[in-house]
Amino acid sequence: MPTEKGIKVLYVEDEPAIAELLKSGLDLFGIEVSPIYGSAEEAYKQITGGQPPVDETDILVFDIRLPGMTGLELAEKLRSAGEKRPILIVSAYQPPPRSQLDQLKAHFMPKPFDFAGIVNKIQDLLD
């Protein structure tokens, strides 16, 4: 559920320029992208730790292709650990099989981003 201050997104992306692009673009729509992690391992540690600002985020957005653990593996580990927030998987490559997304209770969005599209997707996932 979004906070009174608006929607907060946790983003895992190993390409800083792409992370900054999403952050800047969503900021125009009043959606805060923070924190941003460059690896799934760091994100997992922080998410399962449940400390601010991670505990204040409404939705988790992961790139699929990350060094080390993938975004899909991260989603699987978090779901196994009891994570309930919506997860949006993003990639410039082929989407994962629908069955895998369903099993993870995750959603997919292709890159490059259409900002209106990703804003609508985020809002839909939080309704």
N, C-alpha and C. Protein backbone atom coordinates (compact mmCIF):
# COMPACT_ATOMS: atom_id res chain seq x y z
N MET A 1 0.85 -1.17 0.00
CA MET A 1 0.00 0.00 0.00
C MET A 1 0.89 1.24 0.00
N PRO A 2 0.70 2.16 -0.95
CA PRO A 2 1.53 3.35 -1.02
C PRO A 2 1.39 4.20 0.24
N THR A 3 2.47 4.85 0.61
CA THR A 3 2.46 5.73 1.77
C THR A 3 1.81 7.05 1.41
N GLU A 4 1.56 7.88 2.42
CA GLU A 4 0.97 9.20 2.18
C GLU A 4 1.86 10.04 1.28
N LYS A 5 3.15 9.77 1.30
CA LYS A 5 4.10 10.56 0.52
C LYS A 5 4.14 10.10 -0.93
N GLY A 6 3.41 9.07 -1.30
CA GLY A 6 3.43 8.57 -2.66
C GLY A 6 4.05 7.19 -2.73
N ILE A 7 4.15 6.70 -3.94
CA ILE A 7 4.67 5.35 -4.18
C ILE A 7 6.19 5.36 -4.08
N LYS A 8 6.72 4.33 -3.41
CA LYS A 8 8.17 4.17 -3.30
C LYS A 8 8.57 2.83 -3.90
N VAL A 9 9.57 2.87 -4.77
CA VAL A 9 10.04 1.71 -5.52
C VAL A 9 11.46 1.37 -5.11
N LEU A 10 11.72 0.10 -4.83
CA LEU A 10 13.08 -0.41 -4.66
C LEU A 10 13.48 -0.99 -6.01
N TYR A 11 14.65 -0.61 -6.52
CA TYR A 11 15.07 -1.03 -7.86
C TYR A 11 16.43 -1.72 -7.78
N VAL A 12 16.55 -2.86 -8.46
CA VAL A 12 17.82 -3.57 -8.56
C VAL A 12 18.22 -3.56 -10.04
N GLU A 13 19.31 -2.84 -10.32
CA GLU A 13 19.78 -2.65 -11.70
C GLU A 13 21.29 -2.45 -11.65
N ASP A 14 22.04 -3.23 -12.45
CA ASP A 14 23.50 -3.13 -12.42
C ASP A 14 24.05 -2.07 -13.36
N GLU A 15 23.21 -1.45 -14.16
CA GLU A 15 23.65 -0.38 -15.07
C GLU A 15 23.23 0.96 -14.47
N PRO A 16 24.17 1.72 -13.88
CA PRO A 16 23.81 2.98 -13.22
C PRO A 16 23.04 3.96 -14.11
N ALA A 17 23.38 4.03 -15.40
CA ALA A 17 22.68 4.97 -16.30
C ALA A 17 21.21 4.59 -16.45
N ILE A 18 20.92 3.29 -16.52
CA ILE A 18 19.54 2.83 -16.64
C ILE A 18 18.78 3.08 -15.35
N ALA A 19 19.44 2.84 -14.22
CA ALA A 19 18.82 3.10 -12.92
C ALA A 19 18.47 4.58 -12.79
N GLU A 20 19.39 5.44 -13.19
CA GLU A 20 19.15 6.89 -13.09
C GLU A 20 18.04 7.33 -14.04
N LEU A 21 17.98 6.72 -15.21
CA LEU A 21 16.92 7.04 -16.16
C LEU A 21 15.55 6.70 -15.57
N LEU A 22 15.42 5.52 -14.99
CA LEU A 22 14.14 5.13 -14.39
C LEU A 22 13.81 6.05 -13.22
N LYS A 23 14.80 6.33 -12.39
CA LYS A 23 14.60 7.21 -11.24
C LYS A 23 14.10 8.58 -11.69
N SER A 24 14.77 9.17 -12.67
CA SER A 24 14.39 10.50 -13.17
C SER A 24 13.01 10.48 -13.82
N GLY A 25 12.76 9.45 -14.62
CA GLY A 25 11.48 9.37 -15.31
C GLY A 25 10.30 9.18 -14.38
N LEU A 26 10.44 8.28 -13.40
CA LEU A 26 9.33 8.03 -12.47
C LEU A 26 9.13 9.19 -11.51
N ASP A 27 10.20 9.92 -11.23
CA ASP A 27 10.11 11.09 -10.36
C ASP A 27 9.13 12.12 -10.96
N LEU A 28 9.10 12.20 -12.27
CA LEU A 28 8.18 13.14 -12.94
C LEU A 28 6.72 12.78 -12.67
N PHE A 29 6.47 11.51 -12.33
CA PHE A 29 5.12 11.04 -12.05
C PHE A 29 4.85 10.94 -10.54
N GLY A 30 5.79 11.47 -9.75
CA GLY A 30 5.62 11.43 -8.30
C GLY A 30 5.92 10.09 -7.67
N ILE A 31 6.66 9.24 -8.38
CA ILE A 31 7.05 7.94 -7.85
C ILE A 31 8.53 7.99 -7.49
N GLU A 32 8.83 7.70 -6.23
CA GLU A 32 10.21 7.76 -5.75
C GLU A 32 10.90 6.41 -5.93
N VAL A 33 12.04 6.42 -6.61
CA VAL A 33 12.83 5.21 -6.80
C VAL A 33 14.02 5.30 -5.85
N SER A 34 13.90 4.62 -4.72
CA SER A 34 14.95 4.62 -3.71
C SER A 34 14.58 3.60 -2.65
N PRO A 35 15.47 2.71 -2.33
CA PRO A 35 16.87 2.63 -2.74
C PRO A 35 17.06 1.91 -4.07
N ILE A 36 18.25 2.09 -4.63
CA ILE A 36 18.67 1.38 -5.84
C ILE A 36 19.88 0.53 -5.46
N TYR A 37 19.83 -0.74 -5.83
CA TYR A 37 20.95 -1.65 -5.57
C TYR A 37 21.51 -2.14 -6.90
N GLY A 38 22.84 -2.33 -6.95
CA GLY A 38 23.50 -2.78 -8.16
C GLY A 38 23.63 -4.28 -8.27
N SER A 39 23.27 -5.01 -7.19
CA SER A 39 23.35 -6.46 -7.24
C SER A 39 22.19 -7.08 -6.47
N ALA A 40 21.81 -8.27 -6.91
CA ALA A 40 20.73 -9.00 -6.25
C ALA A 40 21.15 -9.42 -4.84
N GLU A 41 22.42 -9.75 -4.68
CA GLU A 41 22.89 -10.18 -3.37
C GLU A 41 22.75 -9.07 -2.33
N GLU A 42 23.15 -7.85 -2.69
CA GLU A 42 23.02 -6.72 -1.77
C GLU A 42 21.55 -6.43 -1.49
N ALA A 43 20.73 -6.46 -2.54
CA ALA A 43 19.30 -6.22 -2.36
C ALA A 43 18.68 -7.25 -1.43
N TYR A 44 19.03 -8.51 -1.62
CA TYR A 44 18.47 -9.58 -0.77
C TYR A 44 18.81 -9.33 0.70
N LYS A 45 20.07 -9.01 0.94
CA LYS A 45 20.52 -8.75 2.30
C LYS A 45 19.73 -7.60 2.93
N GLN A 46 19.55 -6.53 2.17
CA GLN A 46 18.86 -5.36 2.69
C GLN A 46 17.35 -5.59 2.83
N ILE A 47 16.75 -6.26 1.85
CA ILE A 47 15.30 -6.50 1.89
C ILE A 47 14.95 -7.42 3.05
N THR A 48 15.72 -8.49 3.22
CA THR A 48 15.41 -9.41 4.31
C THR A 48 15.76 -8.81 5.67
N GLY A 49 16.61 -7.79 5.68
CA GLY A 49 16.93 -7.09 6.93
C GLY A 49 15.79 -6.19 7.39
N GLY A 50 14.96 -5.73 6.42
CA GLY A 50 13.77 -4.96 6.75
C GLY A 50 14.00 -3.61 7.40
N GLN A 51 15.14 -3.00 7.16
CA GLN A 51 15.44 -1.69 7.75
C GLN A 51 15.07 -0.57 6.78
N PRO A 52 14.89 0.67 7.30
CA PRO A 52 14.65 1.81 6.40
C PRO A 52 15.85 1.97 5.47
N PRO A 53 15.66 2.40 4.25
CA PRO A 53 14.38 2.76 3.62
C PRO A 53 13.66 1.58 2.98
N VAL A 54 14.26 0.39 3.04
CA VAL A 54 13.68 -0.78 2.38
C VAL A 54 12.28 -1.10 2.90
N ASP A 55 12.09 -0.98 4.19
CA ASP A 55 10.79 -1.33 4.78
C ASP A 55 9.68 -0.36 4.36
N GLU A 56 10.06 0.78 3.80
CA GLU A 56 9.08 1.79 3.39
C GLU A 56 8.71 1.69 1.91
N THR A 57 9.32 0.76 1.18
CA THR A 57 9.03 0.65 -0.25
C THR A 57 7.76 -0.16 -0.48
N ASP A 58 7.05 0.21 -1.55
CA ASP A 58 5.77 -0.40 -1.87
C ASP A 58 5.87 -1.53 -2.88
N ILE A 59 6.88 -1.43 -3.75
CA ILE A 59 7.01 -2.39 -4.85
C ILE A 59 8.49 -2.63 -5.11
N LEU A 60 8.81 -3.85 -5.55
CA LEU A 60 10.19 -4.24 -5.83
C LEU A 60 10.33 -4.44 -7.35
N VAL A 61 11.31 -3.78 -7.95
CA VAL A 61 11.55 -3.88 -9.39
C VAL A 61 12.96 -4.41 -9.59
N PHE A 62 13.07 -5.54 -10.32
CA PHE A 62 14.37 -6.18 -10.55
C PHE A 62 14.63 -6.35 -12.03
N ASP A 63 15.84 -6.01 -12.46
CA ASP A 63 16.29 -6.39 -13.79
C ASP A 63 16.52 -7.91 -13.75
N ILE A 64 16.32 -8.59 -14.88
CA ILE A 64 16.57 -10.04 -14.89
C ILE A 64 18.06 -10.32 -14.88
N ARG A 65 18.78 -9.68 -15.79
CA ARG A 65 20.21 -9.98 -15.94
C ARG A 65 21.02 -9.10 -15.01
N LEU A 66 21.54 -9.74 -13.99
CA LEU A 66 22.39 -9.07 -13.00
C LEU A 66 23.63 -9.93 -12.81
N PRO A 67 24.74 -9.33 -12.37
CA PRO A 67 25.91 -10.16 -12.09
C PRO A 67 25.61 -11.05 -10.88
N GLY A 68 26.05 -12.29 -10.95
CA GLY A 68 25.76 -13.21 -9.84
C GLY A 68 24.32 -13.69 -9.91
N MET A 69 23.58 -13.51 -8.84
CA MET A 69 22.18 -13.93 -8.77
C MET A 69 21.33 -13.09 -9.74
N THR A 70 20.43 -13.73 -10.48
CA THR A 70 19.56 -13.01 -11.40
C THR A 70 18.37 -12.40 -10.66
N GLY A 71 17.66 -11.51 -11.34
CA GLY A 71 16.45 -10.94 -10.75
C GLY A 71 15.39 -11.99 -10.46
N LEU A 72 15.31 -13.01 -11.30
CA LEU A 72 14.35 -14.09 -11.06
C LEU A 72 14.73 -14.92 -9.84
N GLU A 73 16.02 -15.19 -9.70
CA GLU A 73 16.49 -15.93 -8.52
C GLU A 73 16.25 -15.11 -7.25
N LEU A 74 16.46 -13.81 -7.34
CA LEU A 74 16.19 -12.93 -6.21
C LEU A 74 14.72 -12.98 -5.83
N ALA A 75 13.85 -12.90 -6.82
CA ALA A 75 12.40 -12.98 -6.55
C ALA A 75 12.05 -14.30 -5.88
N GLU A 76 12.63 -15.39 -6.37
CA GLU A 76 12.35 -16.71 -5.80
C GLU A 76 12.81 -16.79 -4.33
N LYS A 77 14.01 -16.31 -4.06
CA LYS A 77 14.53 -16.34 -2.68
C LYS A 77 13.67 -15.47 -1.76
N LEU A 78 13.26 -14.31 -2.25
CA LEU A 78 12.44 -13.42 -1.42
C LEU A 78 11.06 -14.00 -1.15
N ARG A 79 10.45 -14.61 -2.15
CA ARG A 79 9.14 -15.24 -1.94
C ARG A 79 9.28 -16.39 -0.93
N SER A 80 10.35 -17.16 -1.05
CA SER A 80 10.59 -18.25 -0.09
C SER A 80 10.79 -17.72 1.33
N ALA A 81 11.31 -16.50 1.44
CA ALA A 81 11.54 -15.87 2.75
C ALA A 81 10.29 -15.16 3.26
N GLY A 82 9.19 -15.19 2.48
CA GLY A 82 7.94 -14.60 2.93
C GLY A 82 7.63 -13.21 2.41
N GLU A 83 8.41 -12.71 1.45
CA GLU A 83 8.16 -11.37 0.89
C GLU A 83 6.81 -11.33 0.18
N LYS A 84 5.99 -10.34 0.52
CA LYS A 84 4.63 -10.23 -0.02
C LYS A 84 4.44 -9.07 -1.00
N ARG A 85 5.35 -8.10 -1.00
CA ARG A 85 5.17 -6.93 -1.88
C ARG A 85 5.16 -7.34 -3.35
N PRO A 86 4.50 -6.55 -4.19
CA PRO A 86 4.53 -6.84 -5.63
C PRO A 86 5.96 -6.79 -6.16
N ILE A 87 6.23 -7.71 -7.09
CA ILE A 87 7.54 -7.75 -7.75
C ILE A 87 7.31 -7.57 -9.25
N LEU A 88 8.05 -6.62 -9.83
CA LEU A 88 8.02 -6.37 -11.26
C LEU A 88 9.41 -6.69 -11.80
N ILE A 89 9.46 -7.62 -12.74
CA ILE A 89 10.71 -8.02 -13.39
C ILE A 89 10.81 -7.26 -14.71
N VAL A 90 11.97 -6.66 -14.96
CA VAL A 90 12.17 -5.90 -16.20
C VAL A 90 13.38 -6.45 -16.96
N SER A 91 13.31 -6.37 -18.28
CA SER A 91 14.43 -6.85 -19.08
C SER A 91 14.32 -6.37 -20.51
N ALA A 92 15.47 -6.16 -21.13
CA ALA A 92 15.53 -5.85 -22.56
C ALA A 92 15.55 -7.14 -23.37
N TYR A 93 15.63 -8.27 -22.69
CA TYR A 93 15.69 -9.58 -23.34
C TYR A 93 14.32 -10.25 -23.29
N GLN A 94 14.28 -11.50 -23.70
CA GLN A 94 13.02 -12.25 -23.72
C GLN A 94 12.39 -12.32 -22.34
N PRO A 95 11.08 -12.19 -22.26
CA PRO A 95 10.43 -12.36 -20.95
C PRO A 95 10.55 -13.80 -20.48
N PRO A 96 10.56 -13.98 -19.17
CA PRO A 96 10.58 -15.35 -18.65
C PRO A 96 9.25 -16.04 -18.95
N PRO A 97 9.20 -17.35 -18.88
CA PRO A 97 7.94 -18.06 -19.13
C PRO A 97 6.85 -17.58 -18.16
N ARG A 98 5.64 -17.48 -18.67
CA ARG A 98 4.49 -17.05 -17.86
C ARG A 98 4.35 -17.91 -16.60
N SER A 99 4.60 -19.22 -16.75
CA SER A 99 4.48 -20.12 -15.60
C SER A 99 5.46 -19.76 -14.49
N GLN A 100 6.67 -19.34 -14.87
CA GLN A 100 7.66 -18.94 -13.88
C GLN A 100 7.23 -17.66 -13.16
N LEU A 101 6.72 -16.70 -13.93
CA LEU A 101 6.22 -15.46 -13.33
C LEU A 101 5.05 -15.75 -12.38
N ASP A 102 4.13 -16.62 -12.82
CA ASP A 102 2.98 -16.97 -11.98
C ASP A 102 3.44 -17.62 -10.68
N GLN A 103 4.40 -18.52 -10.78
CA GLN A 103 4.91 -19.21 -9.60
C GLN A 103 5.52 -18.21 -8.61
N LEU A 104 6.17 -17.18 -9.13
CA LEU A 104 6.82 -16.17 -8.29
C LEU A 104 5.85 -15.05 -7.88
N LYS A 105 4.63 -15.12 -8.40
CA LYS A 105 3.68 -14.02 -8.20
C LYS A 105 4.34 -12.71 -8.59
N ALA A 106 4.97 -12.73 -9.76
CA ALA A 106 5.70 -11.58 -10.29
C ALA A 106 5.11 -11.18 -11.64
N HIS A 107 5.46 -9.99 -12.07
CA HIS A 107 4.97 -9.45 -13.34
C HIS A 107 6.18 -9.03 -14.16
N PHE A 108 5.97 -8.85 -15.47
CA PHE A 108 7.07 -8.53 -16.37
C PHE A 108 6.76 -7.26 -17.15
N MET A 109 7.83 -6.48 -17.41
CA MET A 109 7.73 -5.30 -18.25
C MET A 109 9.02 -5.22 -19.08
N PRO A 110 8.89 -5.03 -20.41
CA PRO A 110 10.09 -4.94 -21.24
C PRO A 110 10.80 -3.59 -21.11
N LYS A 111 12.11 -3.62 -21.33
CA LYS A 111 12.90 -2.40 -21.46
C LYS A 111 13.18 -2.23 -22.95
N PRO A 112 13.33 -1.05 -23.47
CA PRO A 112 13.35 0.23 -22.77
C PRO A 112 11.95 0.60 -22.26
N PHE A 113 11.94 1.44 -21.24
CA PHE A 113 10.70 1.79 -20.58
C PHE A 113 9.89 2.81 -21.34
N ASP A 114 8.61 2.57 -21.35
CA ASP A 114 7.62 3.57 -21.72
C ASP A 114 7.12 4.07 -20.35
N PHE A 115 7.48 5.30 -19.99
CA PHE A 115 7.21 5.74 -18.62
C PHE A 115 5.73 5.71 -18.25
N ALA A 116 4.86 6.10 -19.16
CA ALA A 116 3.43 6.01 -18.85
C ALA A 116 3.04 4.56 -18.61
N GLY A 117 3.62 3.65 -19.39
CA GLY A 117 3.32 2.23 -19.24
C GLY A 117 3.79 1.67 -17.91
N ILE A 118 5.00 2.01 -17.50
CA ILE A 118 5.50 1.47 -16.23
C ILE A 118 4.78 2.12 -15.05
N VAL A 119 4.42 3.38 -15.18
CA VAL A 119 3.63 4.04 -14.12
C VAL A 119 2.29 3.33 -13.97
N ASN A 120 1.62 3.07 -15.08
CA ASN A 120 0.34 2.36 -15.03
C ASN A 120 0.50 0.96 -14.43
N LYS A 121 1.57 0.26 -14.83
CA LYS A 121 1.81 -1.09 -14.31
C LYS A 121 2.04 -1.05 -12.80
N ILE A 122 2.84 -0.12 -12.33
CA ILE A 122 3.11 0.02 -10.88
C ILE A 122 1.80 0.32 -10.15
N GLN A 123 1.03 1.25 -10.68
CA GLN A 123 -0.25 1.61 -10.03
C GLN A 123 -1.20 0.41 -10.01
N ASP A 124 -1.26 -0.34 -11.10
CA ASP A 124 -2.12 -1.52 -11.16
C ASP A 124 -1.70 -2.56 -10.12
N LEU A 125 -0.40 -2.77 -9.98
CA LEU A 125 0.09 -3.77 -9.04
C LEU A 125 -0.18 -3.37 -7.58
N LEU A 126 -0.32 -2.10 -7.33
CA LEU A 126 -0.56 -1.63 -5.96
C LEU A 126 -2.04 -1.47 -5.63
N ASP A 127 -2.91 -1.61 -6.64
CA ASP A 127 -4.37 -1.51 -6.38
C ASP A 127 -4.94 -2.83 -5.93
